[in-house]
Protein backbone atom coordinates (compact mmCIF):
# COMPACT_ATOMS: atom_id res chain seq x y z
CA MET A 1 -64.40 72.51 -46.53
CA THR A 2 -63.97 73.27 -42.80
CA SER A 3 -67.43 72.21 -41.98
CA PHE A 4 -66.70 68.86 -44.06
CA LYS A 5 -63.62 68.27 -41.86
CA THR A 6 -65.69 69.03 -38.71
CA ASN A 7 -68.00 66.70 -39.59
CA GLN A 8 -65.58 64.10 -40.01
CA PHE A 9 -63.81 64.15 -36.74
CA LEU A 10 -67.29 64.80 -34.92
CA PRO A 11 -67.36 61.15 -34.04
CA MET A 12 -63.55 61.07 -32.97
CA ILE A 13 -64.50 63.71 -30.74
CA LYS A 14 -67.68 62.49 -29.33
CA GLN A 15 -65.87 58.58 -28.76
CA SER A 16 -62.82 60.53 -26.83
CA ARG A 17 -65.44 62.59 -24.78
CA HIS A 18 -67.24 59.46 -23.98
CA VAL A 19 -63.60 57.75 -22.73
CA LEU A 20 -62.83 60.72 -20.65
CA VAL A 21 -66.09 60.47 -18.93
CA THR A 22 -65.78 56.71 -18.26
CA VAL A 23 -61.96 57.50 -17.02
CA ILE A 24 -62.80 60.09 -14.57
CA ALA A 25 -65.86 57.84 -13.17
CA VAL A 26 -63.28 55.07 -12.53
CA PHE A 27 -61.11 57.40 -11.09
CA PHE A 28 -63.82 58.27 -9.09
CA PHE A 29 -64.70 54.91 -7.30
CA THR A 30 -61.36 54.13 -6.92
CA SER A 31 -60.64 56.59 -4.83
CA LEU A 32 -63.69 56.25 -2.79
CA ILE A 33 -62.75 52.79 -2.40
CA LEU A 34 -59.01 53.71 -1.59
CA ILE A 35 -60.54 56.10 0.67
CA ILE A 36 -62.69 53.68 2.34
CA ALA A 37 -59.58 50.97 2.94
CA GLY A 38 -57.81 54.08 5.08
CA ALA A 39 -55.36 54.28 1.82
CA PRO A 40 -54.44 58.20 0.77
CA PRO A 41 -55.41 57.85 -2.81
CA LEU A 42 -52.32 60.05 -4.21
CA ALA A 43 -49.72 57.63 -2.46
CA ALA A 44 -51.75 54.47 -3.95
CA TYR A 45 -51.88 55.89 -7.55
CA TYR A 46 -48.10 57.01 -7.31
CA HIS A 47 -47.24 53.14 -5.99
CA ILE A 48 -49.34 52.14 -8.98
CA PHE A 49 -47.41 53.97 -11.16
CA LYS A 50 -43.95 53.23 -9.71
CA GLY A 51 -45.10 49.60 -9.50
CA SER A 52 -45.60 49.71 -13.36
CA LEU A 53 -43.57 52.00 -14.71
CA GLY A 54 -41.25 52.60 -12.28
CA SER A 55 -38.32 50.84 -14.16
CA TRP A 56 -37.91 48.80 -17.81
CA LEU A 57 -38.13 45.11 -16.07
CA LYS A 58 -41.15 46.36 -14.51
CA PHE A 59 -42.56 47.76 -17.62
CA ALA A 60 -41.50 44.74 -19.59
CA HIS A 61 -44.54 42.62 -17.30
CA VAL A 62 -46.96 45.35 -17.93
CA ILE A 63 -46.20 44.53 -21.71
CA LYS A 64 -46.69 40.99 -20.75
CA ALA A 65 -50.16 41.95 -19.20
CA TRP A 66 -50.85 43.86 -22.25
CA ILE A 67 -50.42 41.53 -25.01
CA PRO A 68 -53.33 39.01 -23.96
CA LEU A 69 -55.53 42.10 -23.31
CA THR A 70 -55.32 43.51 -26.53
CA LEU A 71 -55.29 40.48 -28.53
CA CYS A 72 -58.81 39.07 -26.36
CA ALA A 73 -60.25 42.87 -26.94
CA CYS A 74 -59.70 42.64 -30.58
CA GLY A 75 -61.61 39.49 -30.64
CA LEU A 76 -64.74 41.16 -28.38
CA ILE A 77 -64.99 43.93 -31.00
CA PHE A 78 -66.34 41.77 -33.55
CA THR A 79 -69.14 40.27 -31.03
CA PHE A 80 -69.51 43.84 -29.80
CA ARG A 81 -70.24 44.62 -32.99
CA ILE A 82 -72.92 42.19 -33.88
CA GLY A 83 -74.71 42.52 -30.08
CA LEU A 84 -73.02 39.37 -28.70
CA TRP A 85 -71.72 39.82 -25.05
CA ASN A 86 -68.78 36.99 -25.24
CA ILE A 87 -68.32 36.33 -21.57
CA GLY A 88 -66.78 32.48 -22.72
CA ILE A 89 -63.95 34.38 -23.88
CA GLU A 90 -61.97 33.53 -20.57
CA GLY A 91 -62.66 29.60 -21.47
CA GLN A 92 -61.24 30.40 -25.14
CA VAL A 93 -57.95 31.51 -23.75
CA MET A 94 -57.81 28.63 -21.66
CA MET A 95 -59.02 26.31 -24.89
CA GLY A 96 -56.10 28.10 -27.08
CA ALA A 97 -53.86 27.46 -23.87
CA ILE A 98 -54.78 23.50 -23.84
CA PHE A 99 -54.22 23.26 -27.54
CA SER A 100 -51.07 24.88 -27.61
CA THR A 101 -49.70 22.57 -25.17
CA ALA A 102 -50.77 19.50 -26.78
CA ALA A 103 -48.86 21.02 -29.95
CA LEU A 104 -45.67 21.28 -27.87
CA ARG A 105 -45.93 18.03 -26.25
CA PHE A 106 -46.45 16.19 -29.51
CA GLY A 107 -43.05 17.94 -30.86
CA LEU A 108 -41.05 17.57 -27.88
CA GLU A 109 -38.32 15.30 -29.99
CA SER A 110 -38.70 17.53 -33.47
CA GLN A 111 -35.50 18.96 -34.46
CA MET A 112 -37.67 21.66 -36.14
CA PRO A 113 -38.87 23.82 -32.87
CA ALA A 114 -39.47 27.05 -35.01
CA MET A 115 -42.10 25.37 -36.83
CA ILE A 116 -43.38 23.41 -33.48
CA ILE A 117 -44.10 26.83 -31.93
CA SER A 118 -45.72 28.19 -35.22
CA LEU A 119 -47.87 24.78 -35.19
CA SER A 120 -48.65 25.31 -31.44
CA ILE A 121 -50.01 29.12 -31.78
CA ALA A 122 -51.99 27.71 -35.01
CA ALA A 123 -53.57 24.97 -32.68
CA GLY A 124 -54.01 27.60 -30.26
CA LEU A 125 -56.11 29.84 -32.15
CA VAL A 126 -58.12 26.43 -33.94
CA GLY A 127 -58.76 25.78 -29.78
CA GLY A 128 -60.02 28.91 -29.12
CA ALA A 129 -62.05 29.49 -32.36
CA LEU A 130 -63.54 25.95 -31.72
CA TRP A 131 -64.47 26.66 -27.90
CA ALA A 132 -66.30 29.79 -29.39
CA LEU A 133 -67.90 28.13 -31.87
CA ILE A 134 -69.80 25.64 -29.85
CA ALA A 135 -71.15 28.79 -27.66
CA GLY A 136 -72.13 30.11 -31.02
CA PHE A 137 -73.91 27.05 -32.14
CA LEU A 138 -75.79 27.17 -28.62
CA LYS A 139 -76.73 30.69 -28.91
CA THR A 140 -78.23 30.20 -32.56
CA LYS A 141 -79.12 27.03 -32.87
CA GLY A 142 -79.97 26.22 -29.16
CA GLU A 143 -81.47 29.51 -27.98
CA VAL A 144 -79.28 29.84 -25.35
CA ASN A 145 -77.92 33.29 -24.24
CA GLU A 146 -74.55 33.77 -25.10
CA ILE A 147 -73.29 35.11 -21.47
CA PHE A 148 -74.83 31.97 -19.89
CA ALA A 149 -73.43 29.44 -22.66
CA GLY A 150 -69.82 31.39 -22.46
CA LEU A 151 -70.08 31.22 -18.35
CA GLY A 152 -70.61 27.41 -18.44
CA LEU A 153 -68.29 26.70 -20.94
CA ASN A 154 -65.27 28.78 -19.02
CA PHE A 155 -65.95 26.39 -16.17
CA VAL A 156 -65.90 23.12 -18.36
CA ALA A 157 -62.52 24.65 -19.80
CA GLN A 158 -61.44 25.45 -16.33
CA GLY A 159 -62.25 21.53 -15.07
CA ILE A 160 -60.14 20.02 -18.46
CA ILE A 161 -57.14 22.23 -17.52
CA LEU A 162 -57.18 20.85 -13.98
CA TRP A 163 -57.73 17.19 -15.36
CA LEU A 164 -54.79 17.45 -17.50
CA ILE A 165 -52.79 19.03 -14.83
CA PHE A 166 -53.51 16.06 -12.56
CA GLY A 167 -54.21 13.36 -14.69
CA PRO A 168 -52.46 12.63 -18.02
CA TRP A 169 -49.99 15.81 -18.27
CA LYS A 170 -49.17 15.51 -14.47
CA ARG A 171 -45.33 16.31 -13.76
CA PRO A 172 -43.24 13.13 -13.17
CA GLY A 173 -43.78 11.72 -9.90
CA VAL A 174 -46.32 14.36 -8.82
CA ALA A 175 -49.32 16.56 -9.43
CA SER A 176 -49.19 20.01 -8.12
CA MET A 177 -51.37 23.29 -8.57
CA SER A 178 -47.68 24.53 -10.04
CA GLY A 179 -48.73 23.19 -13.62
CA THR A 180 -47.08 20.62 -16.16
CA GLU A 181 -43.46 20.32 -16.46
CA VAL A 182 -41.67 23.09 -18.23
CA PHE A 183 -41.10 22.83 -21.95
CA PRO A 184 -37.43 22.81 -22.97
CA THR A 185 -35.71 26.40 -23.85
CA HIS A 186 -35.94 25.28 -26.95
CA LEU A 187 -39.51 25.51 -27.45
CA TRP A 188 -39.45 29.23 -25.80
CA LEU A 189 -40.68 31.99 -27.94
CA SER A 190 -37.69 33.75 -28.34
CA GLN A 191 -37.39 36.81 -25.90
CA LEU A 192 -35.18 39.80 -24.99
CA ALA A 193 -33.11 38.32 -22.51
CA SER A 194 -32.89 41.29 -20.32
CA MET A 195 -36.67 42.01 -20.21
CA ARG A 196 -37.86 38.20 -20.86
CA LEU A 197 -40.06 40.36 -23.66
CA SER A 198 -40.95 38.65 -26.65
CA PRO A 199 -40.43 40.38 -30.15
CA PRO A 200 -42.89 38.25 -32.04
CA ALA A 201 -45.79 38.16 -29.53
CA LEU A 202 -45.47 41.90 -29.82
CA ALA A 203 -45.38 41.50 -33.55
CA ILE A 204 -48.53 39.13 -33.50
CA VAL A 205 -50.45 41.84 -31.87
CA CYS A 206 -49.66 44.37 -33.63
CA VAL A 207 -50.56 42.70 -36.84
CA SER A 208 -54.16 41.81 -34.88
CA LEU A 209 -54.82 45.02 -34.37
CA ILE A 210 -54.48 46.12 -37.98
CA LEU A 211 -56.06 43.20 -39.51
CA THR A 212 -59.21 43.66 -36.94
CA ALA A 213 -59.13 47.15 -38.29
CA LEU A 214 -58.94 46.54 -42.01
CA ILE A 215 -61.80 43.63 -41.74
CA LEU A 216 -64.38 45.58 -39.70
CA ARG A 217 -63.95 48.93 -41.87
CA TYR A 218 -63.23 47.66 -45.30
CA THR A 219 -64.56 44.35 -45.45
CA LYS A 220 -68.15 42.73 -45.93
CA ILE A 221 -68.09 40.87 -43.07
CA GLY A 222 -67.50 44.16 -41.14
CA LEU A 223 -70.05 45.54 -42.74
CA ASN A 224 -72.28 42.70 -42.39
CA LEU A 225 -71.61 42.80 -38.26
CA LYS A 226 -72.35 46.34 -38.15
CA ALA A 227 -75.15 46.24 -39.98
CA ILE A 228 -76.98 43.44 -37.90
CA GLY A 229 -75.57 44.69 -34.84
CA SER A 230 -77.70 48.55 -35.47
CA ASN A 231 -80.97 46.74 -36.46
CA PRO A 232 -80.81 42.35 -36.96
CA SER A 233 -84.50 42.43 -38.00
CA ALA A 234 -84.08 44.65 -41.29
CA ALA A 235 -80.45 42.97 -41.51
CA TYR A 236 -82.88 39.96 -41.81
CA LEU A 237 -84.87 41.34 -44.34
CA PHE A 238 -81.56 42.62 -46.40
CA GLY A 239 -80.91 38.80 -46.34
CA LEU A 240 -77.65 39.13 -43.93
CA LYS A 241 -78.42 36.07 -42.15
CA PRO A 242 -77.83 37.07 -38.88
CA ALA A 243 -77.54 33.48 -37.46
CA ARG A 244 -74.40 32.86 -39.57
CA ASN A 245 -72.73 36.14 -38.86
CA MET A 246 -72.90 35.57 -35.26
CA VAL A 247 -71.52 32.30 -35.17
CA LEU A 248 -68.67 33.90 -37.66
CA ALA A 249 -68.17 36.57 -35.48
CA MET A 250 -67.96 34.10 -32.19
CA ILE A 251 -65.33 32.18 -34.18
CA PHE A 252 -62.92 35.61 -34.62
CA ALA A 253 -63.22 36.09 -31.44
CA GLY A 254 -62.33 32.70 -30.25
CA GLY A 255 -59.78 32.83 -32.44
CA PHE A 256 -58.12 35.85 -31.47
CA ALA A 257 -58.21 34.64 -27.66
CA GLY A 258 -56.98 31.37 -28.44
CA ILE A 259 -53.57 33.14 -29.40
CA ALA A 260 -53.73 34.91 -26.14
CA GLY A 261 -53.74 31.83 -24.72
CA SER A 262 -51.26 29.98 -26.79
CA LEU A 263 -48.81 32.99 -26.09
CA GLN A 264 -49.40 32.57 -22.21
CA VAL A 265 -47.83 29.30 -23.00
CA VAL A 266 -45.13 29.67 -25.50
CA GLY A 267 -43.87 33.31 -24.41
CA VAL A 268 -44.59 33.64 -20.74
CA TYR A 269 -44.88 30.75 -18.60
CA HIS A 270 -43.71 28.17 -20.64
CA ARG A 271 -45.80 25.49 -19.20
CA LEU A 272 -49.75 25.05 -18.67
CA LEU A 273 -50.93 26.47 -15.40
CA PRO A 274 -54.11 26.15 -13.59
CA ALA A 275 -54.68 30.12 -13.90
CA ILE A 276 -53.09 29.97 -17.42
CA SER A 277 -55.71 32.89 -18.65
CA SER A 278 -55.06 34.79 -15.39
CA ASN A 279 -58.58 36.68 -16.02
CA TYR A 280 -57.14 38.54 -18.78
CA GLY A 281 -60.57 37.50 -20.63
CA TYR A 282 -63.10 39.05 -18.12
CA LEU A 283 -60.53 42.35 -17.94
CA ALA A 284 -60.82 42.56 -22.05
CA LEU A 285 -64.63 42.92 -21.60
CA LEU A 286 -63.83 45.82 -19.75
CA VAL A 287 -61.29 47.36 -22.14
CA ALA A 288 -63.45 46.32 -25.08
CA MET A 289 -66.31 48.59 -23.62
CA LEU A 290 -64.36 51.47 -22.26
CA ALA A 291 -62.55 51.83 -25.41
CA ASN A 292 -66.19 52.39 -26.79
CA TYR A 293 -65.71 49.54 -29.30
CA ASN A 294 -62.74 51.45 -31.12
CA ILE A 295 -60.07 49.00 -32.29
CA TRP A 296 -57.74 52.33 -32.15
CA LEU A 297 -58.45 53.22 -28.48
CA VAL A 298 -58.02 49.59 -27.48
CA PRO A 299 -54.27 49.77 -27.01
CA PRO A 300 -53.93 52.63 -24.85
CA VAL A 301 -56.85 51.71 -22.71
CA ALA A 302 -55.40 47.93 -22.12
CA LEU A 303 -52.27 49.87 -21.13
CA PHE A 304 -53.99 51.39 -19.11
CA PHE A 305 -55.74 48.21 -17.26
CA ALA A 306 -52.04 46.17 -17.69
CA CYS A 307 -50.69 48.96 -15.30
CA LEU A 308 -53.20 48.87 -12.52
CA ASN A 309 -53.00 45.19 -13.18
CA VAL A 310 -49.34 45.24 -12.57
CA GLY A 311 -48.55 48.14 -10.13
CA SER A 312 -51.77 47.35 -7.60
CA ILE A 313 -49.90 44.29 -6.39
CA GLN A 314 -47.39 46.94 -4.90
CA LEU A 315 -50.14 48.37 -2.47
CA PRO A 316 -50.00 45.83 0.05
CA MET A 317 -46.12 45.89 0.28
CA ALA A 318 -45.69 49.65 0.32
CA LEU A 319 -48.91 51.16 1.97
CA GLN A 320 -49.43 47.94 4.72
CA LEU A 321 -52.67 47.35 2.63
CA ASP A 322 -54.63 43.88 2.61
CA SER A 323 -53.61 41.61 -0.33
CA SER A 324 -57.46 41.61 -1.61
CA LEU A 325 -57.41 45.30 -2.20
CA SER A 326 -56.15 45.06 -5.68
CA GLY A 327 -58.85 42.64 -6.33
CA VAL A 328 -61.32 45.24 -4.99
CA ILE A 329 -59.99 47.94 -6.78
CA GLN A 330 -60.85 46.17 -10.21
CA GLY A 331 -63.88 45.58 -8.61
CA ALA A 332 -64.59 49.02 -8.38
CA LEU A 333 -63.32 49.34 -11.95
CA VAL A 334 -65.95 46.63 -13.77
CA LEU A 335 -68.98 48.60 -11.57
CA ALA A 336 -67.78 52.39 -12.87
CA THR A 337 -67.09 50.90 -16.56
CA LEU A 338 -70.70 49.19 -16.48
CA GLY A 339 -72.41 51.95 -15.22
CA ILE A 340 -70.93 54.61 -17.81
CA HIS A 341 -71.74 52.01 -20.55
CA GLY A 342 -75.45 51.49 -19.13
CA TRP A 343 -75.69 55.61 -19.07
CA ARG A 344 -74.10 55.54 -22.43
CA GLN A 345 -76.74 53.14 -23.94
CA LYS A 346 -79.64 55.15 -22.06
CA ARG A 347 -78.35 58.32 -23.54
CA ALA A 348 -78.25 57.03 -26.79
CA LYS A 349 -81.98 55.76 -26.87
CA THR A 350 -83.24 59.01 -25.72
CA ILE A 351 -81.48 60.78 -27.98
CA GLY A 352 -83.34 58.06 -30.45
CA HIS A 353 -86.60 58.75 -29.06
CA ARG A 354 -86.38 62.48 -29.62
CA ALA A 355 -85.28 62.53 -32.91
């Protein structure tokens, strides 16, 4: 009985160990960057902590960043499970925001704001899924690597946003980088006035986490994605049709990313901005990798990145550092995470060859 329990928890222990190694590497590289920049690491970490968790209002800003990060990471778990690098997640967030904005503009005169808000979130889901579907078809039908297809579609999505803001959806009498006109308050997602935080958005994230876990663990879709990701050739021999499941995984990823973009419009900025995605799609790639593709490790890892994202803004003010340092720190996180990810894959292959 004791042996059974040990074997049951062994994968979880291994995953926790991998996450711990990655976190240590992240802190090492971040500290190195801070030392090179002439900033004391302990003081920098203190100000990052204070800037993100120093008050309830600051924590609310962290949660606002945590929501789209977690949603995007939920979607990326599907594509990583089947072996796809969905770099186009950023563009899928943008298209979700565009579709959501279009739905809100359509319902400006409606007397049923709750229905319009719900439709706008659904429209965001559809927009993200459709944009991911294009990348999926380019991969499976056109044999275009999903990384290049995703990057190209990201640029197209950004171009569409700029065209809309400076063209058909420009503010009355002026077009500027401040975005479209702010929607009336009755088309805002309900929020706690004291913290400017939306409970419905939090509920959507919680449902998304549970839904992702259930689909991946208990459905035929989840089993197929895992089988194809482990061995595409063998999966094809068993009739699993890798191309169809790749497209399906992309649709799931795009749908979650589209919801994230929609919530940025209806719950945070209340208009369409050029930088509506805030690079959360790219950051979510790191969240998924650092969580070792475990859906239950996604929330705490996303919270860590959200704290760093919000808290690092305080460094230039508190320590008189260059404002670009926060971007450099995030770049160091990218390198550290990718480095550990590569080491982990190489180690797994070495162990497999020995076995």
